[in-house]
C-alpha atoms as a PDB file:
ATOM      1  CA  MET A   1       1.508  25.844  11.634  1.00  0.00           C
ATOM      2  CA  ASN A   2       3.774  27.525  14.164  1.00  0.00           C
ATOM      3  CA  ALA A   3       6.160  29.805  12.273  1.00  0.00           C
ATOM      4  CA  TYR A   4       8.881  29.696  14.916  1.00  0.00           C
ATOM      5  CA  ARG A   5       8.816  25.892  15.046  1.00  0.00           C
ATOM      6  CA  MET A   6       9.077  25.876  11.251  1.00  0.00           C
ATOM      7  CA  LEU A   7      12.122  28.142  11.551  1.00  0.00           C
ATOM      8  CA  GLU A   8      13.682  25.638  13.961  1.00  0.00           C
ATOM      9  CA  ILE A   9      13.087  22.804  11.481  1.00  0.00           C
ATOM     10  CA  LEU A  10      14.922  24.691   8.739  1.00  0.00           C
ATOM     11  CA  GLY A  11      17.838  25.310  11.092  1.00  0.00           C
ATOM     12  CA  GLU A  12      17.994  21.623  12.047  1.00  0.00           C
ATOM     13  CA  GLN A  13      18.187  20.751   8.349  1.00  0.00           C
ATOM     14  CA  ASN A  14      20.790  23.436   7.519  1.00  0.00           C
ATOM     15  CA  GLN A  15      18.347  25.046   5.105  1.00  0.00           C
ATOM     16  CA  PHE A  16      18.210  28.828   4.694  1.00  0.00           C
ATOM     17  CA  GLU A  17      17.180  30.304   1.338  1.00  0.00           C
ATOM     18  CA  LEU A  18      15.941  33.876   1.209  1.00  0.00           C
ATOM     19  CA  LEU A  19      13.964  35.281  -1.694  1.00  0.00           C
ATOM     20  CA  GLU A  20      15.353  38.647  -2.740  1.00  0.00           C
ATOM     21  CA  GLY A  21      12.782  41.433  -2.942  1.00  0.00           C
ATOM     22  CA  GLU A  22      12.586  44.212  -5.494  1.00  0.00           C
ATOM     23  CA  ASN A  23      14.739  46.446  -3.310  1.00  0.00           C
ATOM     24  CA  GLY A  24      17.250  43.824  -2.239  1.00  0.00           C
ATOM     25  CA  TYR A  25      17.658  42.655   1.349  1.00  0.00           C
ATOM     26  CA  HIS A  26      18.858  45.759   3.160  1.00  0.00           C
ATOM     27  CA  THR A  27      15.854  48.056   2.642  1.00  0.00           C
ATOM     28  CA  PRO A  28      13.060  47.632   5.247  1.00  0.00           C
ATOM     29  CA  GLN A  29      10.542  45.213   3.731  1.00  0.00           C
ATOM     30  CA  ASP A  30       8.961  41.811   4.163  1.00  0.00           C
ATOM     31  CA  ILE A  31      11.637  39.176   3.582  1.00  0.00           C
ATOM     32  CA  ARG A  32      10.656  35.644   2.667  1.00  0.00           C
ATOM     33  CA  LEU A  33      12.484  32.507   3.747  1.00  0.00           C
ATOM     34  CA  VAL A  34      11.685  29.382   1.715  1.00  0.00           C
ATOM     35  CA  TYR A  35      10.121  26.643   3.824  1.00  0.00           C
ATOM     36  CA  LEU A  36       8.723  24.288   1.166  1.00  0.00           C
ATOM     37  CA  MET A  37       8.695  24.737  -2.610  1.00  0.00           C
ATOM     38  CA  ASN A  38       7.272  22.021  -4.820  1.00  0.00           C
ATOM     39  CA  ASP A  39       4.461  21.484  -7.315  1.00  0.00           C
ATOM     40  CA  ALA A  40       1.944  21.021  -4.492  1.00  0.00           C
ATOM     41  CA  ALA A  41       2.827  24.000  -2.291  1.00  0.00           C
ATOM     42  CA  GLU A  42       4.833  27.205  -2.084  1.00  0.00           C
ATOM     43  CA  CYS A  43       5.352  27.967   1.593  1.00  0.00           C
ATOM     44  CA  PHE A  44       7.439  30.737   3.159  1.00  0.00           C
ATOM     45  CA  LEU A  45       8.321  32.168   6.524  1.00  0.00           C
ATOM     46  CA  THR A  46       7.888  35.907   6.196  1.00  0.00           C
ATOM     47  CA  PHE A  47       9.882  38.330   8.341  1.00  0.00           C
ATOM     48  CA  ARG A  48       7.640  41.398   8.526  1.00  0.00           C
ATOM     49  CA  ASN A  49       9.219  44.869   8.231  1.00  0.00           C
ATOM     50  CA  ALA A  50      12.633  43.224   8.176  1.00  0.00           C
ATOM     51  CA  ARG A  51      16.151  44.438   7.539  1.00  0.00           C
ATOM     52  CA  ILE A  52      19.466  42.632   7.161  1.00  0.00           C
ATOM     53  CA  THR A  53      22.850  43.714   8.489  1.00  0.00           C
ATOM     54  CA  GLY A  54      25.899  41.873   7.232  1.00  0.00           C
ATOM     55  CA  GLU A  55      26.041  39.895   4.004  1.00  0.00           C
ATOM     56  CA  TYR A  56      23.726  37.004   3.149  1.00  0.00           C
ATOM     57  CA  LEU A  57      25.443  34.467   0.850  1.00  0.00           C
ATOM     58  CA  PRO A  58      22.739  33.030  -1.438  1.00  0.00           C
ATOM     59  CA  ASP A  59      25.033  30.336  -2.889  1.00  0.00           C
ATOM     60  CA  TYR A  60      26.279  29.050   0.457  1.00  0.00           C
ATOM     61  CA  SER A  61      25.827  25.340   1.225  1.00  0.00           C
ATOM     62  CA  GLY A  62      27.095  23.841   4.451  1.00  0.00           C
ATOM     63  CA  GLU A  63      26.602  23.946   8.192  1.00  0.00           C
ATOM     64  CA  LEU A  64      24.438  26.729   9.583  1.00  0.00           C
ATOM     65  CA  GLY A  65      24.170  28.214  13.032  1.00  0.00           C
ATOM     66  CA  THR A  66      21.260  30.379  14.172  1.00  0.00           C
ATOM     67  CA  ARG A  67      20.384  32.350  17.288  1.00  0.00           C
ATOM     68  CA  LEU A  68      16.919  33.838  17.759  1.00  0.00           C
ATOM     69  CA  ASP A  69      16.223  36.724  20.125  1.00  0.00           C
ATOM     70  CA  ARG A  70      12.467  37.325  20.417  1.00  0.00           C
ATOM     71  CA  ASN A  71      11.073  40.609  21.719  1.00  0.00           C
ATOM     72  CA  GLU A  72       7.619  42.169  21.613  1.00  0.00           C
ATOM     73  CA  GLU A  73       8.590  45.184  19.495  1.00  0.00           C
ATOM     74  CA  ARG A  74      11.503  43.898  17.391  1.00  0.00           C
ATOM     75  CA  SER A  75      13.255  40.539  17.204  1.00  0.00           C
ATOM     76  CA  SER A  76      16.493  39.390  15.639  1.00  0.00           C
ATOM     77  CA  LEU A  77      17.847  36.244  14.028  1.00  0.00           C
ATOM     78  CA  VAL A  78      21.610  35.820  13.809  1.00  0.00           C
ATOM     79  CA  VAL A  79      22.706  33.383  11.096  1.00  0.00           C
ATOM     80  CA  HIS A  80      26.204  31.882  10.743  1.00  0.00           C
ATOM     81  CA  GLN A  81      27.026  30.618   7.238  1.00  0.00           C
ATOM     82  CA  GLY A  82      30.371  29.122   8.139  1.00  0.00           C
ATOM     83  CA  HIS A  83      32.588  32.148   8.930  1.00  0.00           C
ATOM     84  CA  ASN A  84      30.056  34.560   7.457  1.00  0.00           C
ATOM     85  CA  VAL A  85      27.533  36.151   9.828  1.00  0.00           C
ATOM     86  CA  PHE A  86      24.465  38.276   9.140  1.00  0.00           C
ATOM     87  CA  THR A  87      21.452  39.354  11.202  1.00  0.00           C
ATOM     88  CA  ILE A  88      17.800  39.788  10.293  1.00  0.00           C
ATOM     89  CA  PHE A  89      15.903  42.323  12.399  1.00  0.00           C
ATOM     90  CA  PHE A  90      12.132  41.978  12.132  1.00  0.00           C
ATOM     91  CA  GLU A  91       8.855  42.810  13.839  1.00  0.00           C
ATOM     92  CA  THR A  92       6.942  39.521  13.430  1.00  0.00           C
ATOM     93  CA  LEU A  93       7.407  36.136  11.771  1.00  0.00           C
ATOM     94  CA  GLU A  94       4.486  34.615   9.888  1.00  0.00           C
ATOM     95  CA  ALA A  95       3.937  31.520   7.765  1.00  0.00           C
ATOM     96  CA  GLU A  96       2.236  32.099   4.408  1.00  0.00           C
ATOM     97  CA  TYR A  97       1.557  29.608   1.691  1.00  0.00           C
ATOM     98  CA  GLU A  98      -0.281  28.755  -1.502  1.00  0.00           C
ATOM     99  CA  LEU A  99      -1.532  25.241  -2.291  1.00  0.00           C
ATOM    100  CA  TYR A 100      -1.781  24.112  -5.902  1.00  0.00           C
ATOM    101  CA  ASN A 101      -3.310  21.395  -8.049  1.00  0.00           C
ATOM    102  CA  TYR A 102      -0.554  18.856  -8.826  1.00  0.00           C
ATOM    103  CA  GLY A 103      -2.793  16.076 -10.163  1.00  0.00           C
ATOM    104  CA  GLU A 104      -1.822  16.623 -13.800  1.00  0.00           C
ATOM    105  CA  ILE A 105       1.813  17.631 -13.298  1.00  0.00           C
ATOM    106  CA  GLY A 106       4.390  15.712 -15.314  1.00  0.00           C
ATOM    107  CA  HIS A 107       8.197  15.674 -15.124  1.00  0.00           C
ATOM    108  CA  PHE A 108      10.061  13.268 -17.365  1.00  0.00           C
ATOM    109  CA  TRP A 109      13.555  13.246 -15.933  1.00  0.00           C
ATOM    110  CA  VAL A 110      13.949   9.437 -15.897  1.00  0.00           C
ATOM    111  CA  LYS A 111      12.969   7.118 -18.740  1.00  0.00           C
ATOM    112  CA  GLY A 112      11.022   3.890 -18.458  1.00  0.00           C
ATOM    113  CA  TYR A 113       7.585   3.280 -16.917  1.00  0.00           C
ATOM    114  CA  GLU A 114       7.007   7.022 -16.860  1.00  0.00           C
ATOM    115  CA  TYR A 115       3.402   6.663 -15.693  1.00  0.00           C
ATOM    116  CA  LEU A 116       4.597   5.009 -12.473  1.00  0.00           C
ATOM    117  CA  ARG A 117       7.357   7.579 -11.972  1.00  0.00           C
ATOM    118  CA  GLN A 118       4.743  10.354 -12.203  1.00  0.00           C
ATOM    119  CA  LEU A 119       2.780   8.633  -9.458  1.00  0.00           C
ATOM    120  CA  GLU A 120       5.917   8.384  -7.334  1.00  0.00           C
ATOM    121  CA  TYR A 121       6.599  12.091  -7.855  1.00  0.00           C
ATOM    122  CA  ARG A 122       3.079  13.246  -6.976  1.00  0.00           C
ATOM    123  CA  ILE A 123       2.950  11.039  -3.903  1.00  0.00           C
ATOM    124  CA  ALA A 124       6.380  12.277  -2.785  1.00  0.00           C
ATOM    125  CA  ILE A 125       5.453  15.975  -3.000  1.00  0.00           C
ATOM    126  CA  LEU A 126       2.134  15.228  -1.300  1.00  0.00           C
ATOM    127  CA  TRP A 127       4.020  13.515   1.543  1.00  0.00           C
ATOM    128  CA  ASP A 128       6.322  16.532   1.902  1.00  0.00           C
ATOM    129  CA  LYS A 129       3.302  18.814   2.177  1.00  0.00           C
ATOM    130  CA  PHE A 130       1.662  16.464   4.683  1.00  0.00           C
ATOM    131  CA  GLU A 131       4.838  16.080   6.759  1.00  0.00           C
ATOM    132  CA  TYR A 132       6.107  19.672   6.761  1.00  0.00           C
ATOM    133  CA  MET A 133       2.834  21.609   6.710  1.00  0.00           C
ATOM    134  CA  GLY A 134       0.444  19.277   8.499  1.00  0.00           C
ATOM    135  CA  GLU A 135      -2.990  17.782   7.906  1.00  0.00           C
ATOM    136  CA  ASP A 136      -4.637  21.214   7.892  1.00  0.00           C
ATOM    137  CA  CYS A 137      -3.061  21.819   4.462  1.00  0.00           C
ATOM    138  CA  CYS A 138      -4.324  18.514   3.074  1.00  0.00           C
ATOM    139  CA  GLY A 139      -7.781  17.308   2.196  1.00  0.00           C
ATOM    140  CA  GLU A 140      -9.056  14.084   3.758  1.00  0.00           C
ATOM    141  CA  LEU A 141      -8.204  12.021   0.673  1.00  0.00           C
ATOM    142  CA  GLU A 142      -4.783  13.672   0.385  1.00  0.00           C
ATOM    143  CA  ALA A 143      -3.946  12.863   4.013  1.00  0.00           C
ATOM    144  CA  LYS A 144      -4.793   9.221   3.297  1.00  0.00           C
ATOM    145  CA  LEU A 145      -2.938   8.887  -0.012  1.00  0.00           C
ATOM    146  CA  ALA A 146       0.159  10.615   1.352  1.00  0.00           C
ATOM    147  CA  TRP A 147       1.017   7.405   3.203  1.00  0.00           C
ATOM    148  CA  LEU A 148       1.773   5.718  -0.118  1.00  0.00           C
ATOM    149  CA  ALA A 149       5.167   7.422   0.114  1.00  0.00           C
ATOM    150  CA  LYS A 150       5.825   4.565   2.544  1.00  0.00           C
ATOM    151  CA  PHE A 151       4.880   1.876  -0.001  1.00  0.00           C
ATOM    152  CA  PRO A 152       8.317   0.775  -1.292  1.00  0.00           C
ATOM    153  CA  PRO A 153       7.154  -0.865  -4.572  1.00  0.00           C
ATOM    154  CA  LEU A 154       5.944   2.535  -5.742  1.00  0.00           C
ATOM    155  CA  ASN A 155       8.288   4.982  -4.009  1.00  0.00           C
ATOM    156  CA  PHE A 156      11.781   6.179  -4.977  1.00  0.00           C
ATOM    157  CA  THR A 157      13.407   2.831  -4.189  1.00  0.00           C
ATOM    158  CA  CYS A 158      11.769   1.212  -7.233  1.00  0.00           C
ATOM    159  CA  TYR A 159      10.422   4.001  -9.472  1.00  0.00           C
ATOM    160  CA  PRO A 160      12.489   7.132  -8.798  1.00  0.00           C
ATOM    161  CA  SER A 161      11.253  10.165 -10.719  1.00  0.00           C
ATOM    162  CA  VAL A 162      14.563  12.018 -10.396  1.00  0.00           C
ATOM    163  CA  PRO A 163      18.165  11.034 -11.291  1.00  0.00           C
ATOM    164  CA  PRO A 164      20.233   9.178  -8.657  1.00  0.00           C
ATOM    165  CA  GLN A 165      22.173  12.249  -7.476  1.00  0.00           C
ATOM    166  CA  TYR A 166      18.936  13.825  -6.225  1.00  0.00           C
ATOM    167  CA  LEU A 167      17.602  10.792  -4.359  1.00  0.00           C
ATOM    168  CA  PRO A 168      17.529  10.487  -0.569  1.00  0.00           C
ATOM    169  CA  ASP A 169      19.222   7.553   1.125  1.00  0.00           C
ATOM    170  CA  ARG A 170      17.481   4.490  -0.314  1.00  0.00           C
ATOM    171  CA  GLU A 171      17.768   2.677   3.011  1.00  0.00           C
ATOM    172  CA  ASP A 172      15.049   5.027   4.266  1.00  0.00           C
ATOM    173  CA  GLY A 173      12.660   3.899   1.569  1.00  0.00           C
ATOM    174  CA  TRP A 174      12.456   0.128   1.989  1.00  0.00           C
ATOM    175  CA  GLN A 175      10.302   0.066   5.149  1.00  0.00           C
ATOM    176  CA  LEU A 176       6.646  -0.728   4.448  1.00  0.00           C
ATOM    177  CA  ALA A 177       4.093   1.229   6.491  1.00  0.00           C
ATOM    178  CA  PRO A 178       0.900  -0.667   7.467  1.00  0.00           C
ATOM    179  CA  GLU A 179      -1.157   2.384   6.432  1.00  0.00           C
ATOM    180  CA  ALA A 180       0.330   2.259   2.933  1.00  0.00           C
ATOM    181  CA  LEU A 181      -0.329  -1.466   2.509  1.00  0.00           C
ATOM    182  CA  GLU A 182      -3.945  -1.017   3.613  1.00  0.00           C
ATOM    183  CA  ILE A 183      -4.493   1.727   1.023  1.00  0.00           C
ATOM    184  CA  MET A 184      -3.068  -0.386  -1.803  1.00  0.00           C
ATOM    185  CA  MET A 185      -5.157  -3.380  -0.773  1.00  0.00           C
ATOM    186  CA  ASP A 186      -8.294  -1.209  -0.760  1.00  0.00           C
ATOM    187  CA  LEU A 187      -7.408   0.020  -4.263  1.00  0.00           C
ATOM    188  CA  ALA A 188      -6.933  -3.539  -5.535  1.00  0.00           C
ATOM    189  CA  LYS A 189     -10.294  -4.553  -4.042  1.00  0.00           C
ATOM    190  CA  GLU A 190     -12.064  -1.564  -5.597  1.00  0.00           C
ATOM    191  CA  ALA A 191     -10.458  -2.308  -8.973  1.00  0.00           C
ATOM    192  CA  GLY A 192     -11.454  -5.991  -8.759  1.00  0.00           C
ATOM    193  CA  ASP A 193      -7.785  -7.003  -9.052  1.00  0.00           C
ATOM    194  CA  ALA A 194      -7.880 -10.306  -7.142  1.00  0.00           C
ATOM    195  CA  SER A 195      -4.399 -11.532  -8.103  1.00  0.00           C
ATOM    196  CA  LEU A 196      -2.714  -8.287  -7.046  1.00  0.00           C
ATOM    197  CA  LEU A 197      -4.682  -8.357  -3.797  1.00  0.00           C
ATOM    198  CA  ARG A 198      -3.344 -11.848  -3.035  1.00  0.00           C
ATOM    199  CA  ALA A 199       0.196 -10.681  -3.784  1.00  0.00           C
ATOM    200  CA  LEU A 200      -0.273  -7.689  -1.474  1.00  0.00           C
ATOM    201  CA  GLU A 201      -1.535  -9.948   1.324  1.00  0.00           C
ATOM    202  CA  LEU A 202       1.639 -12.012   0.964  1.00  0.00           C
ATOM    203  CA  TYR A 203       3.707  -8.831   0.859  1.00  0.00           C
ATOM    204  CA  GLY A 204       2.248  -7.808   4.216  1.00  0.00           C
ATOM    205  CA  LYS A 205       3.689 -10.990   5.733  1.00  0.00           C
ATOM    206  CA  HIS A 206       7.028 -10.891   3.881  1.00  0.00           C
ATOM    207  CA  SER A 207       7.939  -7.277   3.105  1.00  0.00           C
ATOM    208  CA  GLY A 208      11.610  -7.803   2.328  1.00  0.00           C
ATOM    209  CA  ARG A 209      13.372  -6.400  -0.713  1.00  0.00           C
ATOM    210  CA  TRP A 210      12.712  -9.416  -2.931  1.00  0.00           C
ATOM    211  CA  MET A 211       8.949  -9.137  -2.428  1.00  0.00           C
ATOM    212  CA  THR A 212       9.144  -5.352  -2.791  1.00  0.00           C
ATOM    213  CA  LYS A 213      10.726  -5.721  -6.221  1.00  0.00           C
ATOM    214  CA  TYR A 214       8.215  -8.412  -7.169  1.00  0.00           C
ATOM    215  CA  ILE A 215       5.258  -6.178  -6.320  1.00  0.00           C
ATOM    216  CA  ALA A 216       6.954  -3.314  -8.189  1.00  0.00           C
ATOM    217  CA  MET A 217       7.166  -5.551 -11.247  1.00  0.00           C
ATOM    218  CA  LEU A 218       3.468  -6.419 -11.001  1.00  0.00           C
ATOM    219  CA  LEU A 219       2.545  -2.736 -11.065  1.00  0.00           C
ATOM    220  CA  HIS A 220       3.727  -2.332 -14.661  1.00  0.00           C
ATOM    221  CA  TRP A 221       1.940  -5.439 -15.936  1.00  0.00           C
ATOM    222  CA  LYS A 222      -1.063  -4.739 -18.151  1.00  0.00           C
ATOM    223  CA  LYS A 223      -3.274  -7.072 -16.085  1.00  0.00           C
ATOM    224  CA  HIS A 224      -2.970  -4.722 -13.078  1.00  0.00           C
ATOM    225  CA  ALA A 225      -3.597  -1.518 -15.034  1.00  0.00           C
ATOM    226  CA  LYS A 226      -7.002  -0.958 -13.410  1.00  0.00           C
ATOM    227  CA  THR A 227      -5.452  -0.618  -9.947  1.00  0.00           C
ATOM    228  CA  VAL A 228      -2.730   1.776 -11.125  1.00  0.00           C
ATOM    229  CA  ASP A 229      -5.224   3.853 -13.111  1.00  0.00           C
ATOM    230  CA  LEU A 230      -7.578   3.981 -10.127  1.00  0.00           C
ATOM    231  CA  LEU A 231      -4.769   5.352  -7.960  1.00  0.00           C
ATOM    232  CA  THR A 232      -3.933   7.905 -10.648  1.00  0.00           C
ATOM    233  CA  GLU A 233      -7.545   9.103 -10.700  1.00  0.00           C
ATOM    234  CA  LYS A 234      -7.776   9.289  -6.907  1.00  0.00           C
ATOM    235  CA  LEU A 235      -4.619  11.419  -6.743  1.00  0.00           C
ATOM    236  CA  LYS A 236      -6.040  13.637  -9.455  1.00  0.00           C
ATOM    237  CA  GLN A 237      -9.288  13.930  -7.512  1.00  0.00           C
ATOM    238  CA  ALA A 238      -7.472  14.685  -4.253  1.00  0.00           C
ATOM    239  CA  ALA A 239      -5.331  17.398  -5.838  1.00  0.00           C
ATOM    240  CA  SER A 240      -8.225  19.009  -7.697  1.00  0.00           C
ATOM    241  CA  VAL A 241      -9.502  20.748  -4.536  1.00  0.00           C
ATOM    242  CA  HIS A 242      -6.609  23.202  -5.010  1.00  0.00           C
ATOM    243  CA  PRO A 243      -6.351  25.805  -7.797  1.00  0.00           C
ATOM    244  CA  CYS A 244      -3.888  25.712 -10.662  1.00  0.00           C
ATOM    245  CA  ARG A 245      -1.097  28.276 -10.696  1.00  0.00           C
ATOM    246  CA  SER A 246      -1.701  31.639 -12.355  1.00  0.00           C
ATOM    247  CA  PHE A 247       1.164  33.762 -13.683  1.00  0.00           C
ATOM    248  CA  GLY A 248      -0.691  36.812 -14.950  1.00  0.00           C
ATOM    249  CA  PRO A 249      -2.757  37.373 -18.123  1.00  0.00           C
ATOM    250  CA  GLU A 250       0.129  37.436 -20.620  1.00  0.00           C
ATOM    251  CA  ARG A 251       1.914  34.329 -19.388  1.00  0.00           C
ATOM    252  CA  ASP A 252      -1.334  32.463 -18.747  1.00  0.00           C
ATOM    253  CA  ALA A 253      -2.303  33.122 -22.384  1.00  0.00           C
ATOM    254  CA  GLN A 254       1.013  31.689 -23.568  1.00  0.00           C
ATOM    255  CA  TYR A 255       0.600  28.631 -21.370  1.00  0.00           C
ATOM    256  CA  ALA A 256      -2.984  28.132 -22.570  1.00  0.00           C
ATOM    257  CA  LEU A 257      -1.646  28.026 -26.130  1.00  0.00           C
ATOM    258  CA  ILE A 258       0.772  25.237 -25.196  1.00  0.00           C
ATOM    259  CA  MET A 259      -1.959  23.248 -23.472  1.00  0.00           C
ATOM    260  CA  LYS A 260      -4.217  23.740 -26.504  1.00  0.00           C
ATOM    261  CA  ALA A 261      -1.513  22.273 -28.751  1.00  0.00           C
ATOM    262  CA  ALA A 262      -1.189  19.214 -26.504  1.00  0.00           C
ATOM    263  CA  ARG A 263      -4.958  18.660 -26.436  1.00  0.00           C
ATOM    264  CA  ALA A 264      -5.094  18.973 -30.215  1.00  0.00           C
ATOM    265  CA  GLY A 265      -2.417  16.292 -30.393  1.00  0.00           C
ATOM    266  CA  GLN A 266      -4.415  14.146 -27.997  1.00  0.00           C
ATOM    267  CA  GLN A 267      -7.529  14.500 -30.159  1.00  0.00           C
ATOM    268  CA  ALA A 268      -5.610  13.549 -33.307  1.00  0.00           C
ATOM    269  CA  LEU A 269      -4.330  10.413 -31.586  1.00  0.00           C
ATOM    270  CA  ALA A 270      -7.791   9.548 -30.263  1.00  0.00           C
ATOM    271  CA  GLU A 271      -9.148   9.628 -33.813  1.00  0.00           C
ATOM    272  CA  LYS A 272      -6.637   6.891 -34.599  1.00  0.00           C
ATOM    273  CA  GLY A 273      -7.696   4.879 -31.561  1.00  0.00           C
ATOM    274  CA  ILE A 274      -4.570   5.782 -29.536  1.00  0.00           C
ATOM    275  CA  GLN A 275      -5.032   6.809 -25.896  1.00  0.00           C
ATOM    276  CA  SER A 276      -2.918   9.509 -24.280  1.00  0.00           C
ATOM    277  CA  VAL A 277      -2.796  11.766 -21.219  1.00  0.00           C
ATOM    278  CA  VAL A 278      -2.092  15.513 -21.207  1.00  0.00           C
ATOM    279  CA  LEU A 279       0.254  16.675 -18.434  1.00  0.00           C
ATOM    280  CA  ARG A 280       1.880  20.009 -17.688  1.00  0.00           C
ATOM    281  CA  GLU A 281       5.208  21.195 -16.286  1.00  0.00           C
ATOM    282  CA  GLU A 282       5.321  24.677 -14.783  1.00  0.00           C
ATOM    283  CA  PRO A 283       7.601  27.079 -12.874  1.00  0.00           C
ATOM    284  CA  PHE A 284       6.958  28.402  -9.380  1.00  0.00           C
ATOM    285  CA  VAL A 285       4.897  31.551  -8.918  1.00  0.00           C
ATOM    286  CA  HIS A 286       6.872  33.175  -6.114  1.00  0.00           C
ATOM    287  CA  ALA A 287      10.438  32.335  -7.097  1.00  0.00           C
ATOM    288  CA  SER A 288      12.424  32.329 -10.301  1.00  0.00           C
ATOM    289  CA  ASP A 289      13.710  28.917 -11.361  1.00  0.00           C
ATOM    290  CA  THR A 290      15.050  27.221 -14.460  1.00  0.00           C
ATOM    291  CA  LEU A 291      11.755  25.588 -15.431  1.00  0.00           C
ATOM    292  CA  ASP A 292       9.552  27.032 -18.116  1.00  0.00           C
ATOM    293  CA  PHE A 293       6.036  25.922 -18.891  1.00  0.00           C
ATOM    294  CA  LYS A 294       5.693  22.794 -21.010  1.00  0.00           C
ATOM    295  CA  SER A 295       2.873  20.439 -21.841  1.00  0.00           C
ATOM    296  CA  HIS A 296       3.373  16.744 -22.438  1.00  0.00           C
ATOM    297  CA  LEU A 297       1.461  13.979 -24.119  1.00  0.00           C
ATOM    298  CA  MET A 298       2.034  10.647 -22.391  1.00  0.00           C
ATOM    299  CA  ILE A 299       0.992   8.220 -25.116  1.00  0.00           C
ATOM    300  CA  TRP A 300       0.062   4.615 -24.359  1.00  0.00           C
ATOM    301  CA  MET A 301       1.967   2.259 -26.624  1.00  0.00           C
ATOM    302  CA  PRO A 302       1.309  -1.413 -27.461  1.00  0.00           C
ATOM    303  CA  GLY A 303       2.875  -3.963 -25.127  1.00  0.00           C
ATOM    304  CA  ILE A 304       2.514  -7.719 -24.695  1.00  0.00           C
ATOM    305  CA  LEU A 305       2.960  -8.022 -20.918  1.00  0.00           C
ATOM    306  CA  ASN A 306       4.001  -4.546 -19.772  1.00  0.00           C
ATOM    307  CA  ARG A 307       2.422  -1.140 -20.224  1.00  0.00           C
ATOM    308  CA  LYS A 308       4.602   1.246 -22.215  1.00  0.00           C
ATOM    309  CA  THR A 309       4.464   4.948 -22.961  1.00  0.00           C
ATOM    310  CA  GLU A 310       5.944   7.458 -25.354  1.00  0.00           C
ATOM    311  CA  ILE A 311       6.363  11.113 -24.364  1.00  0.00           C
ATOM    312  CA  ARG A 312       5.754  14.048 -26.689  1.00  0.00           C
ATOM    313  CA  THR A 313       6.582  17.552 -25.380  1.00  0.00           C
ATOM    314  CA  PHE A 314       5.191  20.949 -26.394  1.00  0.00           C
ATOM    315  CA  THR A 315       6.893  24.293 -25.622  1.00  0.00           C
ATOM    316  CA  TYR A 316       5.872  27.858 -26.351  1.00  0.00           C
ATOM    317  CA  GLU A 317       8.560  28.452 -28.967  1.00  0.00           C
ATOM    318  CA  LYS A 318       7.683  25.286 -30.865  1.00  0.00           C
ATOM    319  CA  THR A 319       3.956  26.000 -30.628  1.00  0.00           C
ATOM    320  CA  LYS A 320       4.367  29.645 -31.682  1.00  0.00           C
ATOM    321  CA  HIS A 321       6.520  28.640 -34.643  1.00  0.00           C
ATOM    322  CA  LYS A 322       4.032  25.999 -35.749  1.00  0.00           C
ATOM    323  CA  ASN A 323       1.111  28.428 -35.515  1.00  0.00           C
ATOM    324  CA  SER A 324       3.029  31.059 -37.486  1.00  0.00           C
ATOM    325  CA  ALA A 325       3.940  28.525 -40.155  1.00  0.00           C
ATOM    326  CA  SER A 326       0.374  27.276 -40.493  1.00  0.00           C
ATOM    327  CA  ALA A 327      -0.848  30.856 -40.938  1.00  0.00           C
ATOM    328  CA  ARG A 328       1.376  31.438 -43.952  1.00  0.00           C
ATOM    329  CA  PRO A 329      -0.155  31.203 -47.431  1.00  0.00           C
END
């Protein structure tokens, strides 16, 4: 990855979010600029031995203007946030990143067919990593599966994982990529799903919105569960080459307690013959955000034609309270 090209991309997209260090922005230090932050990757552009003059407005949203002056000893970046101007002086600019295991991440922001929305979410963040950071940051299987972001029956046009106000323009999501269709057909073949394979072959010839919605409907039918589950496992396998996040001994111990509670719930359900999946929701390592760690049980519920799920969530406060209560005489 070329750090200066990455800086250009952020400028083209009017994106400029600095992470404040322990000593603020104006003391000489390494200053990080967010490039990509999601469950799959935390990537920054780091201004080494940097200092800011002027005032950076962290809450600004709007048009940006930038001017870069590169020199061997010390460079500068002038940033216009509307009428506000500040300058970052720095020695070098470097890209640094951490890649994480996102194969068992779960966010339940939108109800209905949650298992498909989790697939959409994981594929979307994988595509962002693939597009913005390149193939070098993806394993071979990841680079292949990333193209499913261009498979409209499973992307945000049909199974959005986030509320409408956070969605991109849906017009950008209806175009079927040949690479994506090929991957889905291979999955259907491997799963022995002949009827879905025939539907996909027809979809390749007539990929309009009606057929897109028809294929999307087929994906939540019980008879095609093997194909969907196979994709879920392949994404899990692809993501597993990366480590899980670590937040330090104290917080990791708290999070382990929450995961233990979810797995205990899973075991109790299994003893009753009920299948479920344990998923986790976690904050970023290198930036404060509003998310706290949670674990979820996605429980498979009976359905005649369609697959259905019920979500049960575990948090630290609930788990701690339950453990304290159970310890009482």
